[in-house]
Amino acid sequence: MKTNIELLAFRRFFKLISIGLWLFVLYIPAFSQQPTQNTSFKPGGEWLADDGVHIDCHGGNIIFVESLKTFFWYGEHRGRPQGASCYSSTDLYNWKNEGVVIEKGDIQTFERPKVIYDENNDRYVMWFHYDGNGYTIAELGVAVSDNPTGPFKVIDHYRPNGHESRDIGMYFDPDTKKAYIGYAADHTNLTIRIVELSEDYLSITTNDVDIKAHCEGPGILKKNNTFYLLTSQCSGWTPNPGTYYTAPDIMGPYTSQGSPFIGDAGNNSFNSQPCFIFKIPGYRDAYLYMGDRWNGGGRPESQYVFLPITITAEGKMELHWYREWDLSMFTPERRRSGRRNRVTIPSNSRNRGNNDTRDSNR
């Protein structure tokens, strides 16, 4: 009898231990993968979203929706399913994974998604590089959604005004509310053209100009009525020295000004390729360079190089390398009443590494 009791007790003990081990194995990965709260940018490093997974959102752009007080980051989702992903944030440092907002489905090549918010119709419009058959289709694709987190639905794709189109960038003019797409055009990526979008951003116009710039990853900003266009050369997944151009009008003429990457020891745009320039709201002249570090191919784990862009008093564009930096380096805008008008973003003066390129190519 005693032996049976001891055996029963042992079985219960073993069962409890088994359940405990099972719970440990089940939950410990979730605890171990929780990201720490970010308070700065660390270009080229691992960047975990709220789910503990490296952000998979490449070649895209960021928008800020004032009514939601939220940033939305869109880009290529290189994991499964492929398509475009979306992440949301209130501070630009910490991002929530909102999932894949459009799957590429039968589209062979889906790249460089750019989203704009149509405030008049309260909808979101996505433009992207639509391609296939060895990059010979070369079209613009357009999709729409009623929500920032999708789903987006493709409504059309075509060659803009008959021109081949591959890498694209986007510029929204807050003064005129007009939007433009800069696209690597013709065979093969011979030049960059800029085309104006329709008032509802759902189609293109015939205002389409060859600006004779070269040749991929175009990003555009405007300061003091001068337009700055930043591009990369065409070298596949391998980074190369970037070039910026200036013009008195969005449609040109543009003049080449050389590389803006100061102290770029590797002569490769700090081992990155530009994809977008985001003007951060709430700060004066706060321009964010968004670059991709492809590391030889577009993979889910490919990294990001986010750096501040400076326009000097002489009108020159400059990017310096920072191992770590935050938004305290920008000057907050002020309301007429004198109170600061800014998006609430932590600033900790962690702006280290100016002109230090030791880590820029890692």
Protein backbone atom coordinates (compact mmCIF):
# COMPACT_ATOMS: atom_id res chain seq x y z
CA MET A 1 0.00 0.00 0.00
CA LYS A 2 2.78 2.36 0.94
CA THR A 3 4.55 1.63 -2.31
CA ASN A 4 1.40 2.48 -4.31
CA ILE A 5 1.03 5.80 -2.49
CA GLU A 6 4.67 6.66 -3.10
CA LEU A 7 4.30 5.74 -6.78
CA LEU A 8 1.19 7.90 -7.12
CA ALA A 9 2.94 10.82 -5.44
CA PHE A 10 5.94 10.41 -7.73
CA ARG A 11 3.69 10.41 -10.81
CA ARG A 12 1.95 13.60 -9.66
CA PHE A 13 5.30 15.22 -8.95
CA PHE A 14 6.63 14.18 -12.36
CA LYS A 15 3.47 15.54 -14.02
CA LEU A 16 3.86 18.91 -12.29
CA ILE A 17 7.52 19.09 -13.31
CA SER A 18 6.58 18.26 -16.91
CA ILE A 19 3.91 20.95 -16.99
CA GLY A 20 6.35 23.44 -15.50
CA LEU A 21 9.01 22.64 -18.09
CA TRP A 22 6.44 22.87 -20.88
CA LEU A 23 5.31 26.31 -19.69
CA PHE A 24 8.94 27.40 -19.35
CA VAL A 25 9.77 26.35 -22.91
CA LEU A 26 6.58 27.96 -24.22
CA TYR A 27 6.93 31.35 -22.58
CA ILE A 28 10.63 32.00 -22.08
CA PRO A 29 11.24 32.90 -25.76
CA ALA A 30 8.57 35.57 -25.57
CA PHE A 31 10.21 37.09 -22.49
CA SER A 32 13.71 36.86 -23.93
CA GLN A 33 12.77 38.49 -27.24
CA GLN A 34 10.98 41.53 -25.85
CA PRO A 35 12.82 44.60 -27.19
CA THR A 36 14.05 47.30 -24.87
CA GLN A 37 12.55 50.76 -25.15
CA ASN A 38 14.54 52.72 -27.71
CA THR A 39 15.43 56.35 -27.08
CA SER A 40 17.72 56.93 -30.07
CA PHE A 41 18.64 55.83 -33.58
CA LYS A 42 21.53 53.40 -34.06
CA PRO A 43 22.22 53.31 -37.81
CA GLY A 44 23.10 49.94 -39.30
CA GLY A 45 22.18 47.94 -36.21
CA GLU A 46 19.47 45.43 -35.39
CA TRP A 47 16.13 47.20 -34.91
CA LEU A 48 13.46 45.21 -33.11
CA ALA A 49 9.75 45.96 -33.35
CA ASP A 50 7.27 45.37 -30.52
CA ASP A 51 7.10 41.67 -31.42
CA GLY A 52 10.81 41.21 -30.78
CA VAL A 53 11.58 40.66 -34.47
CA HIS A 54 13.87 42.80 -36.63
CA ILE A 55 11.85 45.33 -38.64
CA ASP A 56 11.17 44.03 -42.16
CA CYS A 57 10.22 47.21 -44.04
CA HIS A 58 12.69 48.07 -46.81
CA GLY A 59 12.88 50.67 -49.58
CA GLY A 60 9.78 52.52 -48.38
CA ASN A 61 8.76 55.75 -46.67
CA ILE A 62 7.31 57.24 -43.49
CA ILE A 63 4.22 59.42 -43.23
CA PHE A 64 2.75 61.25 -40.23
CA VAL A 65 -1.04 61.35 -39.90
CA GLU A 66 -1.86 64.40 -37.81
CA SER A 67 -5.38 63.27 -36.87
CA LEU A 68 -3.97 60.03 -35.44
CA LYS A 69 -0.76 61.56 -34.02
CA THR A 70 1.00 58.53 -35.44
CA PHE A 71 3.87 57.77 -37.79
CA PHE A 72 3.42 54.95 -40.31
CA TRP A 73 6.42 53.29 -41.94
CA TYR A 74 5.80 51.33 -45.14
CA GLY A 75 8.29 49.20 -47.04
CA GLU A 76 9.03 45.94 -48.78
CA HIS A 77 8.28 42.89 -46.65
CA ARG A 78 11.06 40.48 -47.60
CA GLY A 79 9.80 37.67 -45.38
CA ARG A 80 6.71 35.56 -46.04
CA PRO A 81 4.29 36.55 -47.37
CA GLN A 82 6.11 39.02 -49.60
CA GLY A 83 4.56 42.39 -50.33
CA ALA A 84 4.46 45.60 -48.30
CA SER A 85 4.54 45.81 -44.50
CA CYS A 86 3.49 48.61 -42.17
CA TYR A 87 4.81 49.64 -38.76
CA SER A 88 3.39 52.38 -36.53
CA SER A 89 5.04 54.62 -33.95
CA THR A 90 4.51 57.72 -31.87
CA ASP A 91 8.20 58.57 -31.44
CA LEU A 92 10.09 57.23 -34.52
CA TYR A 93 12.26 55.02 -32.28
CA ASN A 94 9.83 52.29 -31.23
CA TRP A 95 7.66 50.57 -33.81
CA LYS A 96 4.62 48.30 -33.68
CA ASN A 97 4.34 45.63 -36.37
CA GLU A 98 0.99 46.19 -38.12
CA GLY A 99 1.58 43.27 -40.48
CA VAL A 100 1.62 42.87 -44.25
CA VAL A 101 -0.79 45.44 -45.73
CA ILE A 102 -0.62 44.10 -49.28
CA GLU A 103 0.64 40.78 -50.60
CA LYS A 104 2.37 40.81 -53.95
CA GLY A 105 0.49 37.71 -55.11
CA ASP A 106 1.08 37.17 -58.82
CA ILE A 107 3.27 40.27 -59.14
CA GLN A 108 6.77 38.96 -59.84
CA THR A 109 8.62 42.04 -58.60
CA PHE A 110 7.12 44.36 -55.96
CA GLU A 111 9.54 47.06 -54.79
CA ARG A 112 9.89 50.56 -53.36
CA PRO A 113 6.35 51.14 -52.00
CA LYS A 114 5.56 54.76 -51.18
CA VAL A 115 2.37 55.84 -49.41
CA ILE A 116 0.65 59.21 -49.29
CA TYR A 117 -2.38 60.17 -47.21
CA ASP A 118 -5.24 61.76 -49.17
CA GLU A 119 -6.67 64.04 -46.51
CA ASN A 120 -9.59 65.21 -48.66
CA ASN A 121 -10.91 61.69 -49.20
CA ASP A 122 -9.49 60.16 -45.99
CA ARG A 123 -7.70 57.32 -47.76
CA TYR A 124 -4.19 56.05 -48.29
CA VAL A 125 -2.59 55.68 -51.72
CA MET A 126 0.39 53.43 -52.34
CA TRP A 127 2.63 53.69 -55.42
CA PHE A 128 5.26 51.05 -56.11
CA HIS A 129 7.62 49.53 -58.68
CA TYR A 130 5.62 46.88 -60.56
CA ASP A 131 7.84 44.54 -62.57
CA GLY A 132 8.68 41.05 -63.78
CA ASN A 133 10.23 39.01 -66.56
CA GLY A 134 13.75 40.13 -65.68
CA TYR A 135 12.79 43.74 -64.92
CA THR A 136 11.46 44.25 -68.45
CA ILE A 137 7.86 45.15 -67.52
CA ALA A 138 9.05 48.32 -65.73
CA GLU A 139 5.76 49.90 -64.61
CA LEU A 140 4.26 51.98 -61.85
CA GLY A 141 1.66 50.25 -59.69
CA VAL A 142 -0.95 51.98 -57.53
CA ALA A 143 -3.06 50.61 -54.67
CA VAL A 144 -5.51 52.16 -52.18
CA SER A 145 -6.84 51.55 -48.68
CA ASP A 146 -9.29 53.25 -46.33
CA ASN A 147 -7.02 52.47 -43.38
CA PRO A 148 -3.32 53.16 -42.80
CA THR A 149 -2.79 49.53 -41.82
CA GLY A 150 -4.51 48.20 -44.93
CA PRO A 151 -5.43 46.09 -46.62
CA PHE A 152 -4.37 47.88 -49.82
CA LYS A 153 -5.90 46.86 -53.15
CA VAL A 154 -4.10 47.25 -56.48
CA ILE A 155 -6.20 49.35 -58.86
CA ASP A 156 -3.83 49.86 -61.80
CA HIS A 157 -0.33 49.48 -63.22
CA TYR A 158 1.25 50.96 -66.34
CA ARG A 159 4.27 52.73 -67.80
CA PRO A 160 4.03 56.45 -66.93
CA ASN A 161 3.46 58.35 -70.16
CA GLY A 162 5.03 55.44 -72.01
CA HIS A 163 8.33 55.46 -70.10
CA GLU A 164 9.94 52.53 -68.31
CA SER A 165 9.80 52.95 -64.54
CA ARG A 166 11.77 51.09 -61.86
CA ASP A 167 13.06 52.56 -58.56
CA ILE A 168 10.71 55.28 -57.33
CA GLY A 169 10.74 58.08 -54.79
CA MET A 170 7.94 60.39 -53.72
CA TYR A 171 7.68 64.04 -52.72
CA PHE A 172 4.66 65.80 -51.19
CA ASP A 173 4.65 69.60 -51.21
CA PRO A 174 2.86 70.76 -48.04
CA ASP A 175 2.35 74.24 -49.50
CA THR A 176 0.60 73.23 -52.72
CA LYS A 177 -0.67 69.78 -51.57
CA LYS A 178 0.71 68.38 -54.82
CA ALA A 179 2.57 65.09 -54.97
CA TYR A 180 5.27 63.91 -57.35
CA ILE A 181 7.00 60.64 -58.15
CA GLY A 182 10.64 60.53 -59.16
CA TYR A 183 11.35 57.35 -61.08
CA ALA A 184 14.37 55.63 -62.62
CA ALA A 185 13.35 55.73 -66.24
CA ASP A 186 13.99 54.21 -69.62
CA HIS A 187 16.45 51.49 -70.63
CA THR A 188 18.08 50.69 -68.34
CA ASN A 189 17.63 53.28 -65.59
CA LEU A 190 19.16 55.75 -68.01
CA THR A 191 17.85 58.80 -66.21
CA ILE A 192 15.38 60.02 -63.59
CA ARG A 193 12.07 61.54 -64.53
CA ILE A 194 9.63 63.37 -62.27
CA VAL A 195 5.89 63.13 -62.85
CA GLU A 196 3.16 65.06 -61.07
CA LEU A 197 0.26 63.06 -59.63
CA SER A 198 -3.40 63.92 -60.03
CA GLU A 199 -5.21 65.89 -57.35
CA ASP A 200 -6.51 62.68 -55.73
CA TYR A 201 -3.06 60.99 -56.07
CA LEU A 202 -4.63 58.00 -57.86
CA SER A 203 -3.15 58.63 -61.30
CA ILE A 204 -0.39 60.52 -63.06
CA THR A 205 -0.55 63.68 -65.16
CA THR A 206 1.25 64.58 -68.36
CA ASN A 207 3.52 66.91 -66.39
CA ASP A 208 6.41 64.46 -66.75
CA VAL A 209 9.99 65.73 -67.16
CA ASP A 210 13.38 64.13 -67.75
CA ILE A 211 15.56 65.84 -65.18
CA LYS A 212 18.73 64.18 -66.48
CA ALA A 213 19.83 62.86 -63.11
CA HIS A 214 21.20 59.40 -62.33
CA CYS A 215 19.79 57.02 -61.38
CA GLU A 216 18.16 55.05 -58.43
CA GLY A 217 16.64 55.52 -54.98
CA PRO A 218 15.56 59.15 -55.43
CA GLY A 219 14.75 61.18 -52.31
CA ILE A 220 13.62 64.82 -52.41
CA LEU A 221 13.41 67.71 -49.94
CA LYS A 222 12.78 71.43 -50.22
CA LYS A 223 14.34 74.24 -48.23
CA ASN A 224 14.32 77.97 -48.92
CA ASN A 225 12.59 77.36 -52.26
CA THR A 226 15.42 75.10 -53.42
CA PHE A 227 14.77 71.45 -54.20
CA TYR A 228 17.36 68.85 -53.27
CA LEU A 229 17.37 65.47 -55.00
CA LEU A 230 19.48 62.64 -53.54
CA THR A 231 20.18 59.54 -55.64
CA SER A 232 22.39 56.48 -55.83
CA GLN A 233 24.16 55.00 -58.79
CA CYS A 234 23.01 51.75 -60.37
CA SER A 235 25.04 48.86 -58.91
CA GLY A 236 22.48 46.26 -57.90
CA TRP A 237 22.61 45.37 -54.20
CA THR A 238 26.10 46.88 -53.80
CA PRO A 239 26.25 50.36 -52.20
CA ASN A 240 27.89 53.19 -54.11
CA PRO A 241 28.65 56.90 -53.69
CA GLY A 242 25.46 58.97 -53.68
CA THR A 243 24.97 62.26 -55.50
CA TYR A 244 22.72 65.20 -54.79
CA TYR A 245 21.27 67.73 -57.20
CA THR A 246 19.66 71.13 -56.67
CA ALA A 247 16.96 72.95 -58.62
CA PRO A 248 14.79 76.08 -58.27
CA ASP A 249 11.69 74.05 -59.19
CA ILE A 250 10.56 70.49 -58.51
CA MET A 251 10.60 69.84 -62.27
CA GLY A 252 14.13 71.20 -62.69
CA PRO A 253 16.53 72.04 -64.15
CA TYR A 254 18.75 70.13 -61.72
CA THR A 255 22.47 70.68 -61.22
CA SER A 256 24.77 67.96 -59.84
CA GLN A 257 26.52 68.98 -56.61
CA GLY A 258 28.52 65.83 -55.80
CA SER A 259 28.30 63.57 -52.77
CA PRO A 260 26.69 64.86 -49.56
CA PHE A 261 28.19 62.05 -47.43
CA ILE A 262 30.93 63.74 -45.40
CA GLY A 263 33.80 61.55 -44.22
CA ASP A 264 32.45 58.55 -46.13
CA ALA A 265 35.58 56.39 -45.86
CA GLY A 266 34.12 53.57 -47.94
CA ASN A 267 32.85 55.94 -50.65
CA ASN A 268 29.58 54.03 -50.52
CA SER A 269 27.05 56.36 -48.84
CA PHE A 270 27.93 54.95 -45.41
CA ASN A 271 27.20 51.48 -46.79
CA SER A 272 23.61 52.33 -47.70
CA GLN A 273 21.27 53.23 -50.54
CA PRO A 274 18.77 56.10 -50.21
CA CYS A 275 15.06 55.37 -50.39
CA PHE A 276 13.31 58.44 -48.92
CA ILE A 277 13.76 61.77 -47.15
CA PHE A 278 11.23 62.37 -44.38
CA LYS A 279 10.60 65.85 -42.97
CA ILE A 280 9.94 65.31 -39.27
CA PRO A 281 6.99 67.39 -38.02
CA GLY A 282 7.36 69.58 -34.97
CA TYR A 283 10.97 70.53 -35.68
CA ARG A 284 12.58 73.19 -37.79
CA ASP A 285 14.37 71.85 -40.88
CA ALA A 286 14.41 68.30 -39.51
CA TYR A 287 15.15 66.07 -42.49
CA LEU A 288 15.61 62.33 -41.98
CA TYR A 289 17.68 60.32 -44.43
CA MET A 290 16.19 56.84 -44.83
CA GLY A 291 18.70 54.40 -46.28
CA ASP A 292 18.82 50.64 -46.71
CA ARG A 293 21.87 48.52 -45.94
CA TRP A 294 21.17 45.58 -48.26
CA ASN A 295 24.30 43.55 -47.47
CA GLY A 296 24.37 42.02 -50.91
CA GLY A 297 20.67 41.27 -51.26
CA GLY A 298 17.19 42.15 -50.12
CA ARG A 299 16.60 40.04 -47.00
CA PRO A 300 14.28 40.39 -44.00
CA GLU A 301 17.32 41.04 -41.79
CA SER A 302 18.76 43.79 -44.01
CA GLN A 303 19.41 46.88 -41.90
CA TYR A 304 18.56 50.56 -42.00
CA VAL A 305 20.71 53.67 -41.97
CA PHE A 306 18.70 56.62 -40.63
CA LEU A 307 20.73 59.84 -40.38
CA PRO A 308 20.01 63.58 -40.03
CA ILE A 309 20.41 65.71 -43.15
CA THR A 310 21.89 69.17 -42.79
CA ILE A 311 21.46 72.01 -45.28
CA THR A 312 24.29 74.42 -44.49
CA ALA A 313 24.12 78.21 -44.55
CA GLU A 314 25.76 78.01 -47.98
CA GLY A 315 22.99 75.75 -49.23
CA LYS A 316 25.00 72.53 -49.29
CA MET A 317 23.52 69.16 -48.35
CA GLU A 318 25.56 67.22 -45.78
CA LEU A 319 25.21 63.85 -44.07
CA HIS A 320 27.60 62.92 -41.26
CA TRP A 321 27.96 59.52 -39.66
CA TYR A 322 26.56 58.99 -36.16
CA ARG A 323 26.85 55.71 -34.32
CA GLU A 324 23.93 56.86 -32.19
CA TRP A 325 21.81 59.99 -32.27
CA ASP A 326 18.41 61.36 -31.32
CA LEU A 327 16.09 64.19 -32.25
CA SER A 328 17.50 66.61 -29.69
CA MET A 329 19.89 67.78 -32.41
CA PHE A 330 16.92 69.45 -34.18
CA THR A 331 15.31 72.70 -33.06
CA PRO A 332 11.65 72.41 -32.03
CA GLU A 333 9.20 74.66 -33.79
CA ARG A 334 7.30 77.16 -31.68
CA ARG A 335 3.67 78.22 -31.71
CA ARG A 336 2.81 81.89 -32.13
CA SER A 337 2.05 81.98 -28.42
CA GLY A 338 5.65 81.03 -27.76
CA ARG A 339 4.91 77.50 -26.63
CA ARG A 340 6.77 74.69 -28.29
CA ASN A 341 4.85 72.86 -30.98
CA ARG A 342 6.34 69.43 -31.37
CA VAL A 343 5.55 65.77 -31.56
CA THR A 344 6.34 64.23 -28.19
CA ILE A 345 9.58 62.37 -28.83
CA PRO A 346 12.18 61.64 -26.12
CA SER A 347 15.51 63.39 -26.55
CA ASN A 348 18.57 62.28 -24.63
CA SER A 349 21.46 64.06 -26.38
CA ARG A 350 22.99 60.77 -27.50
CA ASN A 351 24.40 62.27 -30.67
CA ARG A 352 27.70 60.45 -30.83
CA GLY A 353 30.02 59.71 -33.68
CA ASN A 354 29.99 62.91 -35.75
CA ASN A 355 32.58 62.43 -38.52
CA ASP A 356 33.44 59.05 -36.99
CA THR A 357 33.31 56.50 -39.81
CA ARG A 358 34.80 53.59 -37.90
CA ASP A 359 31.40 51.91 -37.71
CA SER A 360 29.83 53.36 -40.86
CA ASN A 361 30.57 50.37 -43.08
CA ARG A 362 29.70 47.62 -40.61
